[in-house]
Each structure stands twice: as structure tokens, then as C-alpha cells.
Amino acid sequence: MRNLYETAFYFAVMAVKENFRNYVGRAGTPGTPRGTMAILGNGPSLAAELPELLRDPGDRDFMAVNYFALDERFTLLRPSYYVLSDPMFFRDSPLRDRVAELYRVMNERVAWPMALYVQYYNPERFDYRAALPNPLIRIVPFHTTLFRGFRSLEFRLFRRGLGSANFGTVVQVGEYIALLLGYLRVELYGVDHTLLEGLCVDGRN
């Protein structure tokens, strides 16, 4: 009974707040995809890994997240994909000045085809195109409504780019997008999680 309720609730929310279009799948890739998607997180380990990736990118397409466009190496790496999933990128927040700088710099620096993935749910109707008029940047929405209903439906919906699994980080959103785009190999760089550190009692536990 609960599965029936959750499934009905999901479809109702999607019909009212979002829709049933697979924007990620429809947009496809900005060019011919390579064999590997390399997702660049925000963690400190990226500082050690990035020079090697710049020296030898290999058979990789790159996906950047959050504020990476403010890094001078953004134009050297030229990522084909970029993900912004935090609400601060479309809602007013204490970081609005830095967000505005990100959009300004991204708009100025991108000189290659790049897909920018943003949340479809945008209650304040933030105008991404007004912030990023650069025609080389393709703005692609992704869905974020959680699905907790019938397991038999879950994977069908996910394969069609619908719903969400309550992704906790922008990297997880990037992984999902990479799979939707057909990448069979996904590499993670700069993905340093500190969740478990917050569960420690002292230095020995």
C-alpha cells in the first residue's frame, strides 16, 4: 500500500512541479563522446591530480562542478560538461556575489561547446540564459523529485532521466548524468568526503 501511495505521490508532484521530459537524454553530448568521463570534485586532492590530467588527458571527457570555472586552469581543461546542483546557484543567498562572479567568468571564458546541467525545479524562476548568454553554453535541466515507490518502476524512471535518488552531493548528480549519457567508465577526482570525520568522538574514535 505504501508503494502505491509513494508512486502516486511522485507522479502527482512531477506533473505539478516538473514534467516527464528526459532533458539530459534529449540534449545528448556536446561532441563525439570519449571512452571515459572524468568528474572533478571540490576536494583538496584535486590540486595534486589536476596537473597530471592537464599533461595527459587521455581518452577522457571532463565534467566540472560548482566554482571550478573560477580556476585559471578551467580554460586549459575545457570541460565539456558542468554541473550546478546547489540551490544557491538559483536562489538568493549570502554567496550571491560569488555566484554572480561565477556566471560572469563562465560566460566570458567558455570558448568551446559545453553542456551546463542545472536543477529543473527553479521556484524563483532564475533566468540562467540571462546570466549566461554565451551561445556555446547549452543549459540542460535535470529532475530532482525523489521516487520511493515500486522498485519495478524505479530503474525505468532512472534510465529515462526522471526523478532522483536523493543525491547528497553534486558529484553524485554528475555520476548519474554520466550514466544517462552512456559513459561506461566514470573516474572521480577531488572527491574527498569528510562525513565520517564529523561522527568522531575524539582522536581515537
N, C-alpha and C. Protein backbone atom coordinates (compact mmCIF):
# COMPACT_ATOMS: atom_id res chain seq x y z
N MET A 1 0.83 -1.20 0.00
CA MET A 1 0.00 0.00 0.00
C MET A 1 0.86 1.26 0.00
N ARG A 2 1.95 1.21 0.79
CA ARG A 2 2.82 2.39 0.85
C ARG A 2 3.48 2.65 -0.50
N ASN A 3 3.89 1.57 -1.19
CA ASN A 3 4.49 1.75 -2.52
C ASN A 3 3.52 2.42 -3.48
N LEU A 4 2.25 2.04 -3.39
CA LEU A 4 1.23 2.63 -4.24
C LEU A 4 1.09 4.12 -3.95
N TYR A 5 1.06 4.46 -2.66
CA TYR A 5 0.95 5.87 -2.27
C TYR A 5 2.16 6.67 -2.75
N GLU A 6 3.37 6.15 -2.50
CA GLU A 6 4.59 6.86 -2.88
C GLU A 6 4.67 7.04 -4.40
N THR A 7 4.26 6.02 -5.15
CA THR A 7 4.30 6.11 -6.61
C THR A 7 3.31 7.16 -7.11
N ALA A 8 2.09 7.13 -6.57
CA ALA A 8 1.08 8.12 -6.97
C ALA A 8 1.52 9.53 -6.59
N PHE A 9 2.12 9.66 -5.41
CA PHE A 9 2.60 10.97 -4.96
C PHE A 9 3.69 11.50 -5.89
N TYR A 10 4.60 10.63 -6.28
CA TYR A 10 5.68 11.02 -7.18
C TYR A 10 5.12 11.56 -8.50
N PHE A 11 4.20 10.82 -9.11
CA PHE A 11 3.66 11.24 -10.40
C PHE A 11 2.87 12.55 -10.26
N ALA A 12 2.19 12.74 -9.14
CA ALA A 12 1.46 13.98 -8.93
C ALA A 12 2.41 15.17 -8.81
N VAL A 13 3.48 14.98 -8.04
CA VAL A 13 4.46 16.05 -7.87
C VAL A 13 5.15 16.37 -9.19
N MET A 14 5.52 15.34 -9.93
CA MET A 14 6.16 15.57 -11.22
C MET A 14 5.24 16.32 -12.18
N ALA A 15 3.97 15.99 -12.16
CA ALA A 15 3.02 16.64 -13.06
C ALA A 15 2.83 18.11 -12.71
N VAL A 16 2.91 18.43 -11.41
CA VAL A 16 2.67 19.80 -10.98
C VAL A 16 3.95 20.64 -10.97
N LYS A 17 5.03 20.09 -10.41
CA LYS A 17 6.26 20.87 -10.22
C LYS A 17 7.23 20.76 -11.39
N GLU A 18 7.26 19.61 -12.06
CA GLU A 18 8.24 19.41 -13.12
C GLU A 18 7.52 18.90 -14.37
N ASN A 19 8.04 17.90 -15.02
CA ASN A 19 7.36 17.27 -16.16
C ASN A 19 8.03 15.92 -16.40
N PHE A 20 7.74 15.30 -17.51
CA PHE A 20 8.26 13.95 -17.76
C PHE A 20 9.19 13.91 -18.98
N ARG A 21 9.92 14.98 -19.19
CA ARG A 21 10.85 15.04 -20.32
C ARG A 21 12.26 14.67 -19.85
N ASN A 22 12.92 13.87 -20.63
CA ASN A 22 14.30 13.48 -20.34
C ASN A 22 15.23 14.50 -21.01
N TYR A 23 15.46 15.61 -20.34
CA TYR A 23 16.25 16.69 -20.92
C TYR A 23 17.69 16.26 -21.15
N VAL A 24 18.24 15.50 -20.22
CA VAL A 24 19.64 15.07 -20.35
C VAL A 24 19.80 14.18 -21.57
N GLY A 25 18.91 13.21 -21.72
CA GLY A 25 18.98 12.32 -22.87
C GLY A 25 18.75 13.03 -24.18
N ARG A 26 17.79 13.96 -24.19
CA ARG A 26 17.49 14.69 -25.42
C ARG A 26 18.66 15.59 -25.84
N ALA A 27 19.31 16.20 -24.87
CA ALA A 27 20.42 17.10 -25.20
C ALA A 27 21.62 16.33 -25.73
N GLY A 28 21.82 15.11 -25.25
CA GLY A 28 22.95 14.32 -25.70
C GLY A 28 24.28 14.91 -25.28
N THR A 29 25.31 14.64 -26.05
CA THR A 29 26.66 15.10 -25.73
C THR A 29 27.05 16.26 -26.64
N PRO A 30 27.91 17.19 -26.16
CA PRO A 30 28.32 18.33 -26.98
C PRO A 30 29.15 17.94 -28.20
N GLY A 31 29.71 16.77 -28.22
CA GLY A 31 30.51 16.29 -29.35
C GLY A 31 30.55 14.78 -29.31
N THR A 32 31.48 14.20 -30.04
CA THR A 32 31.65 12.75 -30.00
C THR A 32 32.22 12.34 -28.65
N PRO A 33 31.50 11.56 -27.86
CA PRO A 33 32.00 11.21 -26.52
C PRO A 33 33.22 10.31 -26.57
N ARG A 34 34.11 10.52 -25.61
CA ARG A 34 35.28 9.66 -25.47
C ARG A 34 34.92 8.48 -24.58
N GLY A 35 35.89 7.66 -24.29
CA GLY A 35 35.60 6.42 -23.56
C GLY A 35 35.34 6.59 -22.08
N THR A 36 35.83 7.69 -21.49
CA THR A 36 35.76 7.86 -20.04
C THR A 36 35.26 9.25 -19.68
N MET A 37 34.41 9.30 -18.66
CA MET A 37 34.02 10.58 -18.08
C MET A 37 34.81 10.78 -16.80
N ALA A 38 35.54 11.88 -16.71
CA ALA A 38 36.30 12.23 -15.52
C ALA A 38 35.58 13.37 -14.81
N ILE A 39 35.09 13.11 -13.60
CA ILE A 39 34.36 14.11 -12.83
C ILE A 39 35.30 14.74 -11.81
N LEU A 40 35.37 16.06 -11.81
CA LEU A 40 36.27 16.78 -10.92
C LEU A 40 35.49 17.34 -9.74
N GLY A 41 35.75 16.80 -8.55
CA GLY A 41 35.09 17.29 -7.36
C GLY A 41 35.77 18.52 -6.79
N ASN A 42 35.36 18.90 -5.58
CA ASN A 42 35.89 20.12 -4.95
C ASN A 42 36.98 19.84 -3.93
N GLY A 43 37.31 18.58 -3.70
CA GLY A 43 38.21 18.22 -2.62
C GLY A 43 39.65 18.64 -2.84
N PRO A 44 40.42 18.74 -1.75
CA PRO A 44 41.81 19.18 -1.83
C PRO A 44 42.71 18.26 -2.65
N SER A 45 42.35 16.99 -2.79
CA SER A 45 43.19 16.07 -3.56
C SER A 45 43.24 16.44 -5.04
N LEU A 46 42.28 17.24 -5.51
CA LEU A 46 42.28 17.64 -6.92
C LEU A 46 43.53 18.44 -7.27
N ALA A 47 44.06 19.19 -6.30
CA ALA A 47 45.24 20.01 -6.56
C ALA A 47 46.43 19.15 -7.00
N ALA A 48 46.53 17.94 -6.45
CA ALA A 48 47.63 17.04 -6.83
C ALA A 48 47.33 16.28 -8.11
N GLU A 49 46.05 16.07 -8.41
CA GLU A 49 45.67 15.24 -9.56
C GLU A 49 45.53 16.04 -10.85
N LEU A 50 45.19 17.32 -10.73
CA LEU A 50 44.90 18.12 -11.91
C LEU A 50 46.09 18.31 -12.84
N PRO A 51 47.31 18.57 -12.34
CA PRO A 51 48.44 18.73 -13.25
C PRO A 51 48.66 17.52 -14.17
N GLU A 52 48.48 16.32 -13.65
CA GLU A 52 48.65 15.12 -14.47
C GLU A 52 47.54 15.01 -15.50
N LEU A 53 46.33 15.37 -15.14
CA LEU A 53 45.22 15.34 -16.09
C LEU A 53 45.42 16.36 -17.20
N LEU A 54 45.99 17.50 -16.87
CA LEU A 54 46.28 18.50 -17.89
C LEU A 54 47.41 18.05 -18.81
N ARG A 55 48.39 17.38 -18.23
CA ARG A 55 49.53 16.90 -19.02
C ARG A 55 49.12 15.78 -19.95
N ASP A 56 48.28 14.88 -19.46
CA ASP A 56 47.87 13.72 -20.26
C ASP A 56 46.38 13.46 -20.04
N PRO A 57 45.51 14.16 -20.77
CA PRO A 57 44.07 13.95 -20.59
C PRO A 57 43.60 12.58 -21.04
N GLY A 58 44.35 11.93 -21.91
CA GLY A 58 43.98 10.59 -22.35
C GLY A 58 42.63 10.56 -23.04
N ASP A 59 41.96 9.44 -22.92
CA ASP A 59 40.66 9.25 -23.58
C ASP A 59 39.54 9.65 -22.63
N ARG A 60 39.56 10.92 -22.20
CA ARG A 60 38.62 11.39 -21.20
C ARG A 60 37.85 12.62 -21.67
N ASP A 61 36.58 12.65 -21.30
CA ASP A 61 35.80 13.88 -21.30
C ASP A 61 35.74 14.34 -19.85
N PHE A 62 35.71 15.67 -19.66
CA PHE A 62 35.75 16.20 -18.30
C PHE A 62 34.44 16.85 -17.91
N MET A 63 34.09 16.65 -16.64
CA MET A 63 32.92 17.30 -16.05
C MET A 63 33.37 18.07 -14.82
N ALA A 64 33.10 19.36 -14.80
CA ALA A 64 33.44 20.20 -13.66
C ALA A 64 32.18 20.53 -12.87
N VAL A 65 32.38 20.99 -11.65
CA VAL A 65 31.23 21.30 -10.79
C VAL A 65 31.49 22.60 -10.03
N ASN A 66 30.41 23.19 -9.56
CA ASN A 66 30.44 24.33 -8.67
C ASN A 66 31.32 25.47 -9.18
N TYR A 67 32.36 25.85 -8.44
CA TYR A 67 33.12 27.06 -8.76
C TYR A 67 34.37 26.80 -9.60
N PHE A 68 34.48 25.67 -10.23
CA PHE A 68 35.72 25.36 -10.95
C PHE A 68 36.01 26.37 -12.05
N ALA A 69 35.00 26.98 -12.62
CA ALA A 69 35.23 27.95 -13.71
C ALA A 69 36.04 29.15 -13.25
N LEU A 70 36.11 29.39 -11.94
CA LEU A 70 36.91 30.50 -11.43
C LEU A 70 38.39 30.16 -11.38
N ASP A 71 38.73 28.90 -11.53
CA ASP A 71 40.13 28.47 -11.55
C ASP A 71 40.73 28.77 -12.92
N GLU A 72 41.94 29.31 -12.93
CA GLU A 72 42.58 29.67 -14.20
C GLU A 72 42.77 28.46 -15.11
N ARG A 73 42.82 27.27 -14.55
CA ARG A 73 43.03 26.08 -15.36
C ARG A 73 41.76 25.59 -16.05
N PHE A 74 40.66 26.27 -15.78
CA PHE A 74 39.39 25.92 -16.43
C PHE A 74 39.51 25.97 -17.95
N THR A 75 40.15 27.02 -18.45
CA THR A 75 40.27 27.16 -19.91
C THR A 75 41.31 26.22 -20.50
N LEU A 76 42.18 25.67 -19.68
CA LEU A 76 43.14 24.67 -20.17
C LEU A 76 42.48 23.30 -20.25
N LEU A 77 41.65 22.99 -19.29
CA LEU A 77 40.99 21.69 -19.26
C LEU A 77 39.81 21.62 -20.23
N ARG A 78 39.11 22.75 -20.40
CA ARG A 78 37.97 22.85 -21.32
C ARG A 78 36.95 21.72 -21.11
N PRO A 79 36.35 21.64 -19.94
CA PRO A 79 35.38 20.56 -19.70
C PRO A 79 34.17 20.67 -20.62
N SER A 80 33.73 19.54 -21.11
CA SER A 80 32.54 19.51 -21.97
C SER A 80 31.25 19.55 -21.16
N TYR A 81 31.37 19.25 -19.87
CA TYR A 81 30.19 19.16 -19.01
C TYR A 81 30.44 19.93 -17.71
N TYR A 82 29.36 20.51 -17.19
CA TYR A 82 29.45 21.28 -15.95
C TYR A 82 28.14 21.09 -15.19
N VAL A 83 28.22 20.88 -13.88
CA VAL A 83 27.01 20.65 -13.09
C VAL A 83 26.93 21.65 -11.94
N LEU A 84 25.77 22.28 -11.81
CA LEU A 84 25.44 23.12 -10.67
C LEU A 84 24.16 22.57 -10.05
N SER A 85 24.23 22.06 -8.84
CA SER A 85 23.03 21.47 -8.24
C SER A 85 22.60 22.13 -6.95
N ASP A 86 23.47 22.90 -6.32
CA ASP A 86 23.11 23.53 -5.05
C ASP A 86 22.10 24.66 -5.28
N PRO A 87 21.09 24.78 -4.42
CA PRO A 87 20.10 25.86 -4.58
C PRO A 87 20.69 27.26 -4.59
N MET A 88 21.88 27.44 -4.03
CA MET A 88 22.46 28.78 -4.00
C MET A 88 22.74 29.30 -5.41
N PHE A 89 22.78 28.41 -6.40
CA PHE A 89 23.05 28.84 -7.76
C PHE A 89 21.80 29.37 -8.47
N PHE A 90 20.63 29.22 -7.86
CA PHE A 90 19.43 29.79 -8.46
C PHE A 90 18.55 30.51 -7.45
N ARG A 91 19.00 30.59 -6.21
CA ARG A 91 18.25 31.32 -5.19
C ARG A 91 19.14 32.37 -4.54
N ASP A 92 18.52 33.40 -4.00
CA ASP A 92 19.27 34.42 -3.29
C ASP A 92 19.89 33.81 -2.04
N SER A 93 21.16 34.11 -1.80
CA SER A 93 21.87 33.54 -0.65
C SER A 93 23.01 34.48 -0.26
N PRO A 94 23.62 34.26 0.91
CA PRO A 94 24.77 35.09 1.30
C PRO A 94 25.93 35.01 0.31
N LEU A 95 25.94 33.96 -0.54
CA LEU A 95 27.02 33.80 -1.51
C LEU A 95 26.65 34.35 -2.89
N ARG A 96 25.63 35.21 -2.96
CA ARG A 96 25.14 35.67 -4.25
C ARG A 96 26.20 36.41 -5.06
N ASP A 97 27.11 37.14 -4.39
CA ASP A 97 28.14 37.87 -5.14
C ASP A 97 29.12 36.90 -5.80
N ARG A 98 29.48 35.85 -5.08
CA ARG A 98 30.39 34.86 -5.67
C ARG A 98 29.70 34.08 -6.79
N VAL A 99 28.43 33.79 -6.61
CA VAL A 99 27.68 33.10 -7.66
C VAL A 99 27.61 33.98 -8.91
N ALA A 100 27.35 35.28 -8.72
CA ALA A 100 27.30 36.20 -9.86
C ALA A 100 28.65 36.25 -10.56
N GLU A 101 29.73 36.23 -9.78
CA GLU A 101 31.07 36.21 -10.38
C GLU A 101 31.29 34.94 -11.19
N LEU A 102 30.82 33.80 -10.66
CA LEU A 102 30.95 32.54 -11.38
C LEU A 102 30.28 32.62 -12.75
N TYR A 103 29.05 33.11 -12.79
CA TYR A 103 28.34 33.20 -14.07
C TYR A 103 29.05 34.17 -15.02
N ARG A 104 29.52 35.27 -14.50
CA ARG A 104 30.21 36.25 -15.35
C ARG A 104 31.48 35.65 -15.95
N VAL A 105 32.28 35.00 -15.12
CA VAL A 105 33.53 34.41 -15.59
C VAL A 105 33.26 33.26 -16.55
N MET A 106 32.30 32.40 -16.22
CA MET A 106 31.98 31.29 -17.10
C MET A 106 31.53 31.79 -18.46
N ASN A 107 30.69 32.81 -18.46
CA ASN A 107 30.19 33.36 -19.71
C ASN A 107 31.33 33.91 -20.57
N GLU A 108 32.33 34.52 -19.92
CA GLU A 108 33.45 35.11 -20.65
C GLU A 108 34.46 34.07 -21.12
N ARG A 109 34.66 33.03 -20.34
CA ARG A 109 35.77 32.11 -20.61
C ARG A 109 35.42 30.96 -21.56
N VAL A 110 34.17 30.54 -21.58
CA VAL A 110 33.83 29.35 -22.38
C VAL A 110 33.91 29.68 -23.86
N ALA A 111 34.85 29.03 -24.55
CA ALA A 111 35.04 29.23 -25.99
C ALA A 111 34.95 27.90 -26.72
N TRP A 112 34.24 26.96 -26.14
CA TRP A 112 34.07 25.62 -26.70
C TRP A 112 32.66 25.14 -26.32
N PRO A 113 32.09 24.19 -27.03
CA PRO A 113 30.75 23.70 -26.68
C PRO A 113 30.75 23.04 -25.30
N MET A 114 29.84 23.47 -24.44
CA MET A 114 29.78 22.94 -23.08
C MET A 114 28.32 22.82 -22.65
N ALA A 115 27.98 21.69 -22.06
CA ALA A 115 26.64 21.48 -21.51
C ALA A 115 26.66 21.81 -20.02
N LEU A 116 25.76 22.68 -19.60
CA LEU A 116 25.64 23.06 -18.20
C LEU A 116 24.34 22.48 -17.64
N TYR A 117 24.46 21.61 -16.64
CA TYR A 117 23.30 20.93 -16.06
C TYR A 117 22.87 21.64 -14.79
N VAL A 118 21.58 21.99 -14.74
CA VAL A 118 21.03 22.72 -13.61
C VAL A 118 19.70 22.08 -13.20
N GLN A 119 19.28 22.34 -11.97
CA GLN A 119 18.01 21.78 -11.50
C GLN A 119 16.84 22.30 -12.32
N TYR A 120 15.94 21.39 -12.68
CA TYR A 120 14.71 21.83 -13.34
C TYR A 120 13.86 22.65 -12.37
N TYR A 121 13.78 22.16 -11.13
CA TYR A 121 12.97 22.85 -10.12
C TYR A 121 13.63 24.18 -9.79
N ASN A 122 12.94 25.25 -10.13
CA ASN A 122 13.50 26.59 -10.02
C ASN A 122 12.39 27.54 -9.59
N PRO A 123 11.97 27.46 -8.31
CA PRO A 123 10.78 28.19 -7.86
C PRO A 123 10.87 29.70 -8.00
N GLU A 124 12.08 30.24 -7.95
CA GLU A 124 12.23 31.69 -8.08
C GLU A 124 12.45 32.10 -9.54
N ARG A 125 12.37 31.12 -10.43
CA ARG A 125 12.48 31.36 -11.88
C ARG A 125 13.75 32.13 -12.24
N PHE A 126 14.85 31.69 -11.67
CA PHE A 126 16.14 32.28 -12.04
C PHE A 126 16.39 32.07 -13.52
N ASP A 127 16.79 33.13 -14.21
CA ASP A 127 16.98 33.07 -15.67
C ASP A 127 18.44 32.75 -15.98
N TYR A 128 18.72 31.47 -16.18
CA TYR A 128 20.10 31.05 -16.48
C TYR A 128 20.58 31.66 -17.79
N ARG A 129 19.71 31.74 -18.77
CA ARG A 129 20.14 32.26 -20.07
C ARG A 129 20.50 33.73 -19.99
N ALA A 130 19.80 34.48 -19.16
CA ALA A 130 20.16 35.89 -18.98
C ALA A 130 21.52 36.02 -18.32
N ALA A 131 21.82 35.11 -17.38
CA ALA A 131 23.11 35.14 -16.71
C ALA A 131 24.22 34.60 -17.59
N LEU A 132 23.86 33.71 -18.53
CA LEU A 132 24.85 33.06 -19.40
C LEU A 132 24.40 33.14 -20.86
N PRO A 133 24.49 34.31 -21.48
CA PRO A 133 24.06 34.44 -22.88
C PRO A 133 25.01 33.79 -23.88
N ASN A 134 26.15 33.31 -23.43
CA ASN A 134 27.13 32.67 -24.31
C ASN A 134 26.46 31.52 -25.08
N PRO A 135 26.42 31.60 -26.42
CA PRO A 135 25.72 30.56 -27.20
C PRO A 135 26.41 29.20 -27.18
N LEU A 136 27.66 29.14 -26.74
CA LEU A 136 28.37 27.87 -26.68
C LEU A 136 27.98 27.05 -25.44
N ILE A 137 27.31 27.70 -24.50
CA ILE A 137 26.87 27.02 -23.29
C ILE A 137 25.43 26.56 -23.47
N ARG A 138 25.23 25.26 -23.45
CA ARG A 138 23.88 24.71 -23.57
C ARG A 138 23.36 24.39 -22.18
N ILE A 139 22.26 24.99 -21.79
CA ILE A 139 21.69 24.80 -20.46
C ILE A 139 20.72 23.64 -20.49
N VAL A 140 21.00 22.62 -19.67
CA VAL A 140 20.22 21.38 -19.67
C VAL A 140 19.66 21.13 -18.27
N PRO A 141 18.34 21.12 -18.09
CA PRO A 141 17.78 20.84 -16.77
C PRO A 141 17.84 19.35 -16.44
N PHE A 142 17.93 19.06 -15.15
CA PHE A 142 17.78 17.67 -14.69
C PHE A 142 16.74 17.64 -13.57
N HIS A 143 16.05 16.52 -13.45
CA HIS A 143 14.97 16.39 -12.48
C HIS A 143 15.51 16.03 -11.09
N THR A 144 14.78 16.47 -10.06
CA THR A 144 15.23 16.23 -8.69
C THR A 144 14.13 15.67 -7.77
N THR A 145 12.97 15.36 -8.32
CA THR A 145 11.90 14.81 -7.49
C THR A 145 12.22 13.38 -7.07
N LEU A 146 12.15 13.10 -5.77
CA LEU A 146 12.50 11.78 -5.26
C LEU A 146 11.45 10.74 -5.62
N PHE A 147 11.91 9.53 -5.93
CA PHE A 147 10.99 8.42 -6.17
C PHE A 147 11.26 7.34 -5.13
N ARG A 148 10.21 6.99 -4.37
CA ARG A 148 10.34 5.95 -3.33
C ARG A 148 9.26 4.89 -3.49
N GLY A 149 8.73 4.75 -4.68
CA GLY A 149 7.63 3.82 -4.90
C GLY A 149 8.07 2.43 -5.30
N PHE A 150 7.33 1.84 -6.23
CA PHE A 150 7.58 0.46 -6.65
C PHE A 150 8.98 0.32 -7.25
N ARG A 151 9.70 -0.68 -6.76
CA ARG A 151 11.06 -0.94 -7.24
C ARG A 151 11.07 -1.25 -8.74
N SER A 152 10.02 -1.90 -9.22
CA SER A 152 9.96 -2.27 -10.63
C SER A 152 9.91 -1.05 -11.54
N LEU A 153 9.42 0.07 -11.00
CA LEU A 153 9.36 1.31 -11.78
C LEU A 153 10.61 2.16 -11.63
N GLU A 154 11.29 1.99 -10.51
CA GLU A 154 12.40 2.87 -10.16
C GLU A 154 13.46 2.93 -11.25
N PHE A 155 13.95 1.77 -11.68
CA PHE A 155 15.04 1.76 -12.65
C PHE A 155 14.57 2.25 -14.02
N ARG A 156 13.32 2.00 -14.36
CA ARG A 156 12.79 2.50 -15.63
C ARG A 156 12.79 4.03 -15.64
N LEU A 157 12.37 4.60 -14.53
CA LEU A 157 12.35 6.06 -14.43
C LEU A 157 13.75 6.64 -14.46
N PHE A 158 14.66 6.00 -13.72
CA PHE A 158 16.03 6.49 -13.67
C PHE A 158 16.69 6.43 -15.04
N ARG A 159 16.45 5.36 -15.78
CA ARG A 159 17.04 5.23 -17.11
C ARG A 159 16.53 6.31 -18.06
N ARG A 160 15.38 6.87 -17.75
CA ARG A 160 14.80 7.92 -18.59
C ARG A 160 15.06 9.32 -18.04
N GLY A 161 15.96 9.41 -17.08
CA GLY A 161 16.33 10.71 -16.55
C GLY A 161 15.27 11.37 -15.69
N LEU A 162 14.37 10.58 -15.13
CA LEU A 162 13.28 11.13 -14.33
C LEU A 162 13.50 10.82 -12.85
N GLY A 163 13.12 11.76 -12.01
CA GLY A 163 13.24 11.52 -10.59
C GLY A 163 14.65 11.68 -10.07
N SER A 164 14.82 11.29 -8.83
CA SER A 164 16.10 11.45 -8.16
C SER A 164 16.21 10.42 -7.05
N ALA A 165 17.45 10.10 -6.67
CA ALA A 165 17.69 9.16 -5.58
C ALA A 165 18.17 9.88 -4.33
N ASN A 166 17.74 11.14 -4.18
CA ASN A 166 18.16 11.93 -3.02
C ASN A 166 19.68 12.07 -2.99
N PHE A 167 20.23 12.50 -4.12
CA PHE A 167 21.68 12.67 -4.23
C PHE A 167 22.15 13.71 -3.21
N GLY A 168 23.18 13.35 -2.45
CA GLY A 168 23.65 14.24 -1.41
C GLY A 168 24.71 15.22 -1.86
N THR A 169 25.37 14.94 -2.98
CA THR A 169 26.44 15.81 -3.44
C THR A 169 26.31 16.06 -4.94
N VAL A 170 26.97 17.11 -5.39
CA VAL A 170 26.96 17.44 -6.81
C VAL A 170 27.68 16.36 -7.62
N VAL A 171 28.65 15.69 -7.02
CA VAL A 171 29.36 14.62 -7.72
C VAL A 171 28.41 13.46 -8.02
N GLN A 172 27.52 13.14 -7.09
CA GLN A 172 26.56 12.07 -7.34
C GLN A 172 25.62 12.44 -8.49
N VAL A 173 25.23 13.69 -8.56
CA VAL A 173 24.43 14.14 -9.71
C VAL A 173 25.23 13.96 -11.00
N GLY A 174 26.51 14.32 -10.95
CA GLY A 174 27.37 14.15 -12.12
C GLY A 174 27.50 12.71 -12.55
N GLU A 175 27.60 11.81 -11.59
CA GLU A 175 27.68 10.38 -11.92
C GLU A 175 26.41 9.92 -12.63
N TYR A 176 25.28 10.36 -12.12
CA TYR A 176 24.00 9.98 -12.73
C TYR A 176 23.91 10.50 -14.16
N ILE A 177 24.30 11.75 -14.36
CA ILE A 177 24.27 12.33 -15.71
C ILE A 177 25.21 11.58 -16.64
N ALA A 178 26.39 11.23 -16.16
CA ALA A 178 27.35 10.49 -16.99
C ALA A 178 26.76 9.15 -17.44
N LEU A 179 26.07 8.47 -16.53
CA LEU A 179 25.45 7.19 -16.88
C LEU A 179 24.32 7.39 -17.89
N LEU A 180 23.54 8.45 -17.71
CA LEU A 180 22.46 8.73 -18.66
C LEU A 180 23.01 9.01 -20.05
N LEU A 181 24.19 9.59 -20.11
CA LEU A 181 24.80 9.92 -21.40
C LEU A 181 25.48 8.72 -22.04
N GLY A 182 25.53 7.60 -21.33
CA GLY A 182 26.05 6.38 -21.91
C GLY A 182 27.50 6.06 -21.59
N TYR A 183 28.12 6.82 -20.69
CA TYR A 183 29.50 6.52 -20.33
C TYR A 183 29.56 5.24 -19.50
N LEU A 184 30.43 4.33 -19.90
CA LEU A 184 30.57 3.06 -19.18
C LEU A 184 31.69 3.11 -18.15
N ARG A 185 32.55 4.10 -18.27
CA ARG A 185 33.65 4.26 -17.31
C ARG A 185 33.60 5.70 -16.77
N VAL A 186 33.54 5.82 -15.46
CA VAL A 186 33.50 7.12 -14.81
C VAL A 186 34.61 7.18 -13.77
N GLU A 187 35.47 8.18 -13.88
CA GLU A 187 36.57 8.38 -12.93
C GLU A 187 36.27 9.60 -12.06
N LEU A 188 36.65 9.51 -10.79
CA LEU A 188 36.41 10.59 -9.85
C LEU A 188 37.73 11.18 -9.38
N TYR A 189 37.81 12.50 -9.40
CA TYR A 189 38.99 13.20 -8.93
C TYR A 189 38.55 14.31 -7.96
N GLY A 190 39.33 14.51 -6.92
CA GLY A 190 38.99 15.55 -5.96
C GLY A 190 37.73 15.26 -5.18
N VAL A 191 37.42 13.99 -4.99
CA VAL A 191 36.22 13.61 -4.24
C VAL A 191 36.67 13.18 -2.84
N ASP A 192 36.73 14.13 -1.94
CA ASP A 192 37.19 13.89 -0.57
C ASP A 192 36.04 14.16 0.38
N HIS A 193 35.44 13.11 0.91
CA HIS A 193 34.30 13.27 1.81
C HIS A 193 34.77 13.30 3.26
N THR A 194 34.18 14.19 4.05
CA THR A 194 34.55 14.33 5.46
C THR A 194 33.38 13.98 6.38
N LEU A 195 32.37 13.30 5.84
CA LEU A 195 31.20 12.97 6.66
C LEU A 195 31.57 12.18 7.90
N LEU A 196 32.41 11.15 7.74
CA LEU A 196 32.74 10.29 8.88
C LEU A 196 33.55 11.03 9.93
N GLU A 197 34.30 12.06 9.51
CA GLU A 197 35.07 12.82 10.49
C GLU A 197 34.14 13.51 11.49
N GLY A 198 32.97 13.90 11.01
CA GLY A 198 32.01 14.56 11.89
C GLY A 198 31.36 13.62 12.88
N LEU A 199 31.56 12.31 12.71
CA LEU A 199 30.98 11.33 13.62
C LEU A 199 31.97 10.89 14.70
N CYS A 200 33.16 11.43 14.68
CA CYS A 200 34.18 11.04 15.66
C CYS A 200 33.91 11.70 17.02
N VAL A 201 34.22 10.95 18.06
CA VAL A 201 34.09 11.47 19.42
C VAL A 201 35.37 12.18 19.83
N ASP A 202 36.51 11.54 19.53
CA ASP A 202 37.80 12.15 19.82
C ASP A 202 38.81 11.62 18.80
N GLY A 203 40.09 11.87 19.04
CA GLY A 203 41.12 11.47 18.10
C GLY A 203 41.28 9.97 17.94
N ARG A 204 40.78 9.20 18.89
CA ARG A 204 40.91 7.75 18.83
C ARG A 204 39.65 7.06 18.33
N ASN A 205 38.58 7.82 18.13
CA ASN A 205 37.30 7.22 17.71
C ASN A 205 36.60 8.18 16.75
